[in-house]
Amino acid sequence: MSKETFINKTRPHDSAYKHVSGFADYTDDIKEPKDTLYGAIGLSKKAHAIIRKIDLNKVKSSEGVISVITYKDIPGRNDVGPVFDGDPIFPEKKVEFYGQPLFAVAATTIELARKAVMKAKITYKNLKPVVTIKDALDKNSLLFKVKKIKRGNASKKNNQFKKFFKRKFYHRKPGTFLFRGSNGFCNS
């Protein structure tokens, strides 16, 4: 082993001294640069609805507002789903949950950004929520497309197991142990 290997030796974290002594710089300790902009997000007030209209005129003309962005301002793909598509940064037509981000505001202070967001006029067409599994199945409202992974004939194997199980265990006492041997299933 080389001398650089540190196995089973305690080494302090690089910034440990600064953290315990109070000299570490945290985000809240750093002075904000001049002309820093602050953001606020406009959130949906509905859990499941079609967006009929978003009027952001009063938001854009609000004091201190520098910019307002919506789905129209996103170059490229408007989706941040890490595995499956369907998680837009800002939705275009349909709201999927209460508090879903609809637009963002950049302003000269955090207070002005938050006040501007409140001036948005959004009209919705409410949709009936899908709350239960039965509702989802009835409406074919699934999160993902159904995928089948199939190898061999599962129905045939299932029927074979049922017959075997009835034959071997129907009259057995509780506590019987089933294990797989070289000739198939065996019991104790």
C-alpha atoms as a PDB file:
ATOM      1  CA  MET A   1       0.000   0.000   0.000  1.00  0.00           C
ATOM      2  CA  SER A   2       1.124   3.505  -0.719  1.00  0.00           C
ATOM      3  CA  LYS A   3       1.571   6.172   1.940  1.00  0.00           C
ATOM      4  CA  GLU A   4      -1.456   8.081   0.590  1.00  0.00           C
ATOM      5  CA  THR A   5      -3.910   5.381   1.686  1.00  0.00           C
ATOM      6  CA  PHE A   6      -5.760   6.362   4.876  1.00  0.00           C
ATOM      7  CA  ILE A   7      -7.657   3.244   5.875  1.00  0.00           C
ATOM      8  CA  ASN A   8      -8.941   3.024   9.463  1.00  0.00           C
ATOM      9  CA  LYS A   9      -7.522   6.433  10.355  1.00  0.00           C
ATOM     10  CA  THR A  10      -9.604   9.353  11.575  1.00  0.00           C
ATOM     11  CA  ARG A  11      -9.183  12.458   9.452  1.00  0.00           C
ATOM     12  CA  PRO A  12     -11.011  15.737  10.187  1.00  0.00           C
ATOM     13  CA  HIS A  13     -13.148  17.212   7.425  1.00  0.00           C
ATOM     14  CA  ASP A  14     -11.405  20.029   5.521  1.00  0.00           C
ATOM     15  CA  SER A  15     -13.804  22.665   6.818  1.00  0.00           C
ATOM     16  CA  ALA A  16     -14.313  21.215  10.313  1.00  0.00           C
ATOM     17  CA  TYR A  17     -12.109  23.792  12.043  1.00  0.00           C
ATOM     18  CA  LYS A  18     -13.971  26.709  10.444  1.00  0.00           C
ATOM     19  CA  HIS A  19     -17.345  25.201  11.357  1.00  0.00           C
ATOM     20  CA  VAL A  20     -16.595  24.637  15.040  1.00  0.00           C
ATOM     21  CA  SER A  21     -14.674  27.893  15.481  1.00  0.00           C
ATOM     22  CA  GLY A  22     -17.341  30.089  13.876  1.00  0.00           C
ATOM     23  CA  PHE A  23     -15.160  31.261  10.989  1.00  0.00           C
ATOM     24  CA  ALA A  24     -17.018  29.364   8.241  1.00  0.00           C
ATOM     25  CA  ASP A  25     -18.896  31.448   5.672  1.00  0.00           C
ATOM     26  CA  TYR A  26     -22.472  30.287   5.228  1.00  0.00           C
ATOM     27  CA  THR A  27     -24.814  31.484   2.482  1.00  0.00           C
ATOM     28  CA  ASP A  28     -26.621  33.846   4.874  1.00  0.00           C
ATOM     29  CA  ASP A  29     -23.272  35.346   5.956  1.00  0.00           C
ATOM     30  CA  ILE A  30     -22.230  36.337   2.444  1.00  0.00           C
ATOM     31  CA  LYS A  31     -23.015  39.932   1.503  1.00  0.00           C
ATOM     32  CA  GLU A  32     -25.267  40.076  -1.527  1.00  0.00           C
ATOM     33  CA  PRO A  33     -23.700  41.722  -4.568  1.00  0.00           C
ATOM     34  CA  LYS A  34     -25.091  45.037  -5.760  1.00  0.00           C
ATOM     35  CA  ASP A  35     -28.065  44.643  -8.153  1.00  0.00           C
ATOM     36  CA  THR A  36     -28.933  41.140  -6.921  1.00  0.00           C
ATOM     37  CA  LEU A  37     -32.354  40.016  -8.149  1.00  0.00           C
ATOM     38  CA  TYR A  38     -34.792  38.020  -6.028  1.00  0.00           C
ATOM     39  CA  GLY A  39     -37.239  35.432  -7.191  1.00  0.00           C
ATOM     40  CA  ALA A  40     -40.731  34.325  -6.310  1.00  0.00           C
ATOM     41  CA  ILE A  41     -42.828  31.564  -7.846  1.00  0.00           C
ATOM     42  CA  GLY A  42     -46.503  31.865  -8.800  1.00  0.00           C
ATOM     43  CA  LEU A  43     -48.228  28.709  -7.582  1.00  0.00           C
ATOM     44  CA  SER A  44     -51.463  27.017  -8.580  1.00  0.00           C
ATOM     45  CA  LYS A  45     -54.421  27.435  -6.241  1.00  0.00           C
ATOM     46  CA  LYS A  46     -56.121  24.364  -7.736  1.00  0.00           C
ATOM     47  CA  ALA A  47     -55.239  20.710  -7.400  1.00  0.00           C
ATOM     48  CA  HIS A  48     -56.588  19.426 -10.718  1.00  0.00           C
ATOM     49  CA  ALA A  49     -57.720  21.873 -13.396  1.00  0.00           C
ATOM     50  CA  ILE A  50     -57.359  23.174 -16.925  1.00  0.00           C
ATOM     51  CA  ILE A  51     -55.697  26.602 -17.111  1.00  0.00           C
ATOM     52  CA  ARG A  52     -58.092  28.783 -19.076  1.00  0.00           C
ATOM     53  CA  LYS A  53     -56.152  32.038 -18.812  1.00  0.00           C
ATOM     54  CA  ILE A  54     -53.157  33.490 -17.014  1.00  0.00           C
ATOM     55  CA  ASP A  55     -53.127  37.291 -16.947  1.00  0.00           C
ATOM     56  CA  LEU A  56     -49.727  38.533 -15.787  1.00  0.00           C
ATOM     57  CA  ASN A  57     -50.049  42.179 -16.906  1.00  0.00           C
ATOM     58  CA  LYS A  58     -50.286  43.531 -13.333  1.00  0.00           C
ATOM     59  CA  VAL A  59     -47.429  41.257 -12.292  1.00  0.00           C
ATOM     60  CA  LYS A  60     -45.170  42.579 -15.075  1.00  0.00           C
ATOM     61  CA  SER A  61     -46.020  46.222 -14.301  1.00  0.00           C
ATOM     62  CA  SER A  62     -45.601  45.758 -10.565  1.00  0.00           C
ATOM     63  CA  GLU A  63     -42.998  47.840  -8.721  1.00  0.00           C
ATOM     64  CA  GLY A  64     -39.459  46.417  -8.863  1.00  0.00           C
ATOM     65  CA  VAL A  65     -40.265  43.600 -11.307  1.00  0.00           C
ATOM     66  CA  ILE A  66     -37.485  43.023 -13.820  1.00  0.00           C
ATOM     67  CA  SER A  67     -38.724  39.859 -15.515  1.00  0.00           C
ATOM     68  CA  VAL A  68     -41.546  37.312 -15.529  1.00  0.00           C
ATOM     69  CA  ILE A  69     -41.136  33.863 -17.102  1.00  0.00           C
ATOM     70  CA  THR A  70     -43.678  31.209 -18.065  1.00  0.00           C
ATOM     71  CA  TYR A  71     -43.587  27.968 -20.051  1.00  0.00           C
ATOM     72  CA  LYS A  72     -43.273  30.101 -23.225  1.00  0.00           C
ATOM     73  CA  ASP A  73     -39.848  31.341 -22.097  1.00  0.00           C
ATOM     74  CA  ILE A  74     -38.279  27.926 -21.614  1.00  0.00           C
ATOM     75  CA  PRO A  75     -35.997  27.005 -24.494  1.00  0.00           C
ATOM     76  CA  GLY A  76     -36.080  23.334 -25.406  1.00  0.00           C
ATOM     77  CA  ARG A  77     -37.856  20.720 -23.353  1.00  0.00           C
ATOM     78  CA  ASN A  78     -40.227  21.973 -20.624  1.00  0.00           C
ATOM     79  CA  ASP A  79     -39.895  18.871 -18.456  1.00  0.00           C
ATOM     80  CA  VAL A  80     -37.745  18.034 -15.456  1.00  0.00           C
ATOM     81  CA  GLY A  81     -38.912  14.455 -14.893  1.00  0.00           C
ATOM     82  CA  PRO A  82     -35.699  12.585 -14.023  1.00  0.00           C
ATOM     83  CA  VAL A  83     -36.949   9.184 -15.204  1.00  0.00           C
ATOM     84  CA  PHE A  84     -40.367   9.651 -16.810  1.00  0.00           C
ATOM     85  CA  ASP A  85     -41.659  12.616 -18.807  1.00  0.00           C
ATOM     86  CA  GLY A  86     -44.637  14.511 -17.436  1.00  0.00           C
ATOM     87  CA  ASP A  87     -43.148  16.888 -14.877  1.00  0.00           C
ATOM     88  CA  PRO A  88     -43.152  20.314 -16.576  1.00  0.00           C
ATOM     89  CA  ILE A  89     -41.202  23.227 -15.140  1.00  0.00           C
ATOM     90  CA  PHE A  90     -44.291  25.374 -15.760  1.00  0.00           C
ATOM     91  CA  PRO A  91     -47.447  23.709 -17.165  1.00  0.00           C
ATOM     92  CA  GLU A  92     -48.983  25.009 -20.360  1.00  0.00           C
ATOM     93  CA  LYS A  93     -52.578  23.794 -20.086  1.00  0.00           C
ATOM     94  CA  LYS A  94     -53.220  21.528 -17.128  1.00  0.00           C
ATOM     95  CA  VAL A  95     -52.520  21.819 -13.393  1.00  0.00           C
ATOM     96  CA  GLU A  96     -51.783  18.477 -11.725  1.00  0.00           C
ATOM     97  CA  PHE A  97     -51.389  19.460  -8.052  1.00  0.00           C
ATOM     98  CA  TYR A  98     -52.031  22.292  -5.599  1.00  0.00           C
ATOM     99  CA  GLY A  99     -48.985  24.535  -5.417  1.00  0.00           C
ATOM    100  CA  GLN A 100     -47.643  23.567  -8.856  1.00  0.00           C
ATOM    101  CA  PRO A 101     -45.355  26.336 -10.158  1.00  0.00           C
ATOM    102  CA  LEU A 102     -47.006  28.323 -12.983  1.00  0.00           C
ATOM    103  CA  PHE A 103     -44.592  31.237 -13.496  1.00  0.00           C
ATOM    104  CA  ALA A 104     -41.612  32.983 -11.889  1.00  0.00           C
ATOM    105  CA  VAL A 105     -40.865  36.620 -11.094  1.00  0.00           C
ATOM    106  CA  ALA A 106     -37.496  38.342 -10.722  1.00  0.00           C
ATOM    107  CA  ALA A 107     -37.574  41.650  -8.813  1.00  0.00           C
ATOM    108  CA  THR A 108     -35.274  44.052  -7.001  1.00  0.00           C
ATOM    109  CA  THR A 109     -36.317  42.840  -3.513  1.00  0.00           C
ATOM    110  CA  ILE A 110     -37.830  39.630  -2.201  1.00  0.00           C
ATOM    111  CA  GLU A 111     -40.803  41.555  -0.837  1.00  0.00           C
ATOM    112  CA  LEU A 112     -41.563  43.133  -4.233  1.00  0.00           C
ATOM    113  CA  ALA A 113     -41.233  39.752  -5.969  1.00  0.00           C
ATOM    114  CA  ARG A 114     -43.691  38.163  -3.504  1.00  0.00           C
ATOM    115  CA  LYS A 115     -46.157  41.058  -3.822  1.00  0.00           C
ATOM    116  CA  ALA A 116     -46.008  40.881  -7.630  1.00  0.00           C
ATOM    117  CA  VAL A 117     -46.782  37.143  -7.676  1.00  0.00           C
ATOM    118  CA  MET A 118     -50.008  37.812  -5.758  1.00  0.00           C
ATOM    119  CA  LYS A 119     -51.285  40.082  -8.547  1.00  0.00           C
ATOM    120  CA  ALA A 120     -51.652  37.297 -11.120  1.00  0.00           C
ATOM    121  CA  LYS A 121     -55.174  36.637 -12.413  1.00  0.00           C
ATOM    122  CA  ILE A 122     -55.607  32.957 -13.220  1.00  0.00           C
ATOM    123  CA  THR A 123     -58.841  31.347 -14.334  1.00  0.00           C
ATOM    124  CA  TYR A 124     -59.295  27.603 -14.206  1.00  0.00           C
ATOM    125  CA  LYS A 125     -61.772  24.977 -15.302  1.00  0.00           C
ATOM    126  CA  ASN A 126     -61.962  22.559 -12.398  1.00  0.00           C
ATOM    127  CA  LEU A 127     -61.572  18.891 -13.178  1.00  0.00           C
ATOM    128  CA  LYS A 128     -63.004  16.133 -11.043  1.00  0.00           C
ATOM    129  CA  PRO A 129     -60.140  14.781  -8.941  1.00  0.00           C
ATOM    130  CA  VAL A 130     -59.095  11.163  -9.250  1.00  0.00           C
ATOM    131  CA  VAL A 131     -58.671  10.123  -5.628  1.00  0.00           C
ATOM    132  CA  THR A 132     -59.123   6.370  -5.387  1.00  0.00           C
ATOM    133  CA  ILE A 133     -57.543   3.492  -7.254  1.00  0.00           C
ATOM    134  CA  LYS A 134     -61.005   2.516  -8.498  1.00  0.00           C
ATOM    135  CA  ASP A 135     -61.499   6.022  -9.949  1.00  0.00           C
ATOM    136  CA  ALA A 136     -58.121   5.829 -11.679  1.00  0.00           C
ATOM    137  CA  LEU A 137     -58.893   2.430 -13.191  1.00  0.00           C
ATOM    138  CA  ASP A 138     -62.403   3.472 -14.267  1.00  0.00           C
ATOM    139  CA  LYS A 139     -61.055   6.583 -16.004  1.00  0.00           C
ATOM    140  CA  ASN A 140     -57.895   4.858 -17.240  1.00  0.00           C
ATOM    141  CA  SER A 141     -55.993   7.616 -15.448  1.00  0.00           C
ATOM    142  CA  LEU A 142     -52.732   5.880 -14.677  1.00  0.00           C
ATOM    143  CA  LEU A 143     -49.424   7.523 -13.849  1.00  0.00           C
ATOM    144  CA  PHE A 144     -47.573   5.496 -16.459  1.00  0.00           C
ATOM    145  CA  LYS A 145     -48.361   3.299 -19.426  1.00  0.00           C
ATOM    146  CA  VAL A 146     -48.847  -0.299 -18.365  1.00  0.00           C
ATOM    147  CA  LYS A 147     -45.743  -2.362 -19.078  1.00  0.00           C
ATOM    148  CA  LYS A 148     -45.725  -6.131 -19.080  1.00  0.00           C
ATOM    149  CA  ILE A 149     -42.578  -8.086 -18.437  1.00  0.00           C
ATOM    150  CA  LYS A 150     -43.115 -11.613 -19.581  1.00  0.00           C
ATOM    151  CA  ARG A 151     -40.896 -14.633 -19.820  1.00  0.00           C
ATOM    152  CA  GLY A 152     -42.399 -18.046 -20.323  1.00  0.00           C
ATOM    153  CA  ASN A 153     -45.979 -19.021 -19.534  1.00  0.00           C
ATOM    154  CA  ALA A 154     -46.792 -17.648 -16.078  1.00  0.00           C
ATOM    155  CA  SER A 155     -50.410 -18.901 -16.132  1.00  0.00           C
ATOM    156  CA  LYS A 156     -49.290 -22.472 -16.793  1.00  0.00           C
ATOM    157  CA  LYS A 157     -46.673 -22.350 -14.015  1.00  0.00           C
ATOM    158  CA  ASN A 158     -49.184 -20.813 -11.615  1.00  0.00           C
ATOM    159  CA  ASN A 159     -51.683 -23.616 -12.311  1.00  0.00           C
ATOM    160  CA  GLN A 160     -48.947 -26.239 -11.834  1.00  0.00           C
ATOM    161  CA  PHE A 161     -48.027 -24.706  -8.473  1.00  0.00           C
ATOM    162  CA  LYS A 162     -51.678 -24.613  -7.319  1.00  0.00           C
ATOM    163  CA  LYS A 163     -52.087 -28.323  -8.128  1.00  0.00           C
ATOM    164  CA  PHE A 164     -48.801 -29.165  -6.399  1.00  0.00           C
ATOM    165  CA  PHE A 165     -49.671 -27.070  -3.361  1.00  0.00           C
ATOM    166  CA  LYS A 166     -53.102 -28.694  -2.970  1.00  0.00           C
ATOM    167  CA  ARG A 167     -51.654 -32.177  -3.392  1.00  0.00           C
ATOM    168  CA  LYS A 168     -48.762 -31.659  -0.951  1.00  0.00           C
ATOM    169  CA  PHE A 169     -50.169 -29.320   1.693  1.00  0.00           C
ATOM    170  CA  TYR A 170     -53.924 -29.611   1.778  1.00  0.00           C
ATOM    171  CA  HIS A 171     -53.832 -32.031   4.728  1.00  0.00           C
ATOM    172  CA  ARG A 172     -50.539 -30.921   6.262  1.00  0.00           C
ATOM    173  CA  LYS A 173     -50.237 -29.367   9.677  1.00  0.00           C
ATOM    174  CA  PRO A 174     -49.052 -25.764  10.092  1.00  0.00           C
ATOM    175  CA  GLY A 175     -45.297 -25.295  10.114  1.00  0.00           C
ATOM    176  CA  THR A 176     -44.538 -27.394   7.053  1.00  0.00           C
ATOM    177  CA  PHE A 177     -41.455 -26.146   5.251  1.00  0.00           C
ATOM    178  CA  LEU A 178     -41.167 -26.218   1.455  1.00  0.00           C
ATOM    179  CA  PHE A 179     -37.786 -26.087  -0.256  1.00  0.00           C
ATOM    180  CA  ARG A 180     -36.518 -26.759  -3.741  1.00  0.00           C
ATOM    181  CA  GLY A 181     -34.458 -29.870  -4.210  1.00  0.00           C
ATOM    182  CA  SER A 182     -32.733 -31.331  -7.249  1.00  0.00           C
ATOM    183  CA  ASN A 183     -35.973 -33.160  -8.232  1.00  0.00           C
ATOM    184  CA  GLY A 184     -38.222 -30.154  -7.754  1.00  0.00           C
ATOM    185  CA  PHE A 185     -40.062 -29.167  -4.573  1.00  0.00           C
ATOM    186  CA  CYS A 186     -39.623 -31.197  -1.379  1.00  0.00           C
ATOM    187  CA  ASN A 187     -41.136 -30.775   2.030  1.00  0.00           C
ATOM    188  CA  SER A 188     -39.976 -31.455   5.539  1.00  0.00           C
END
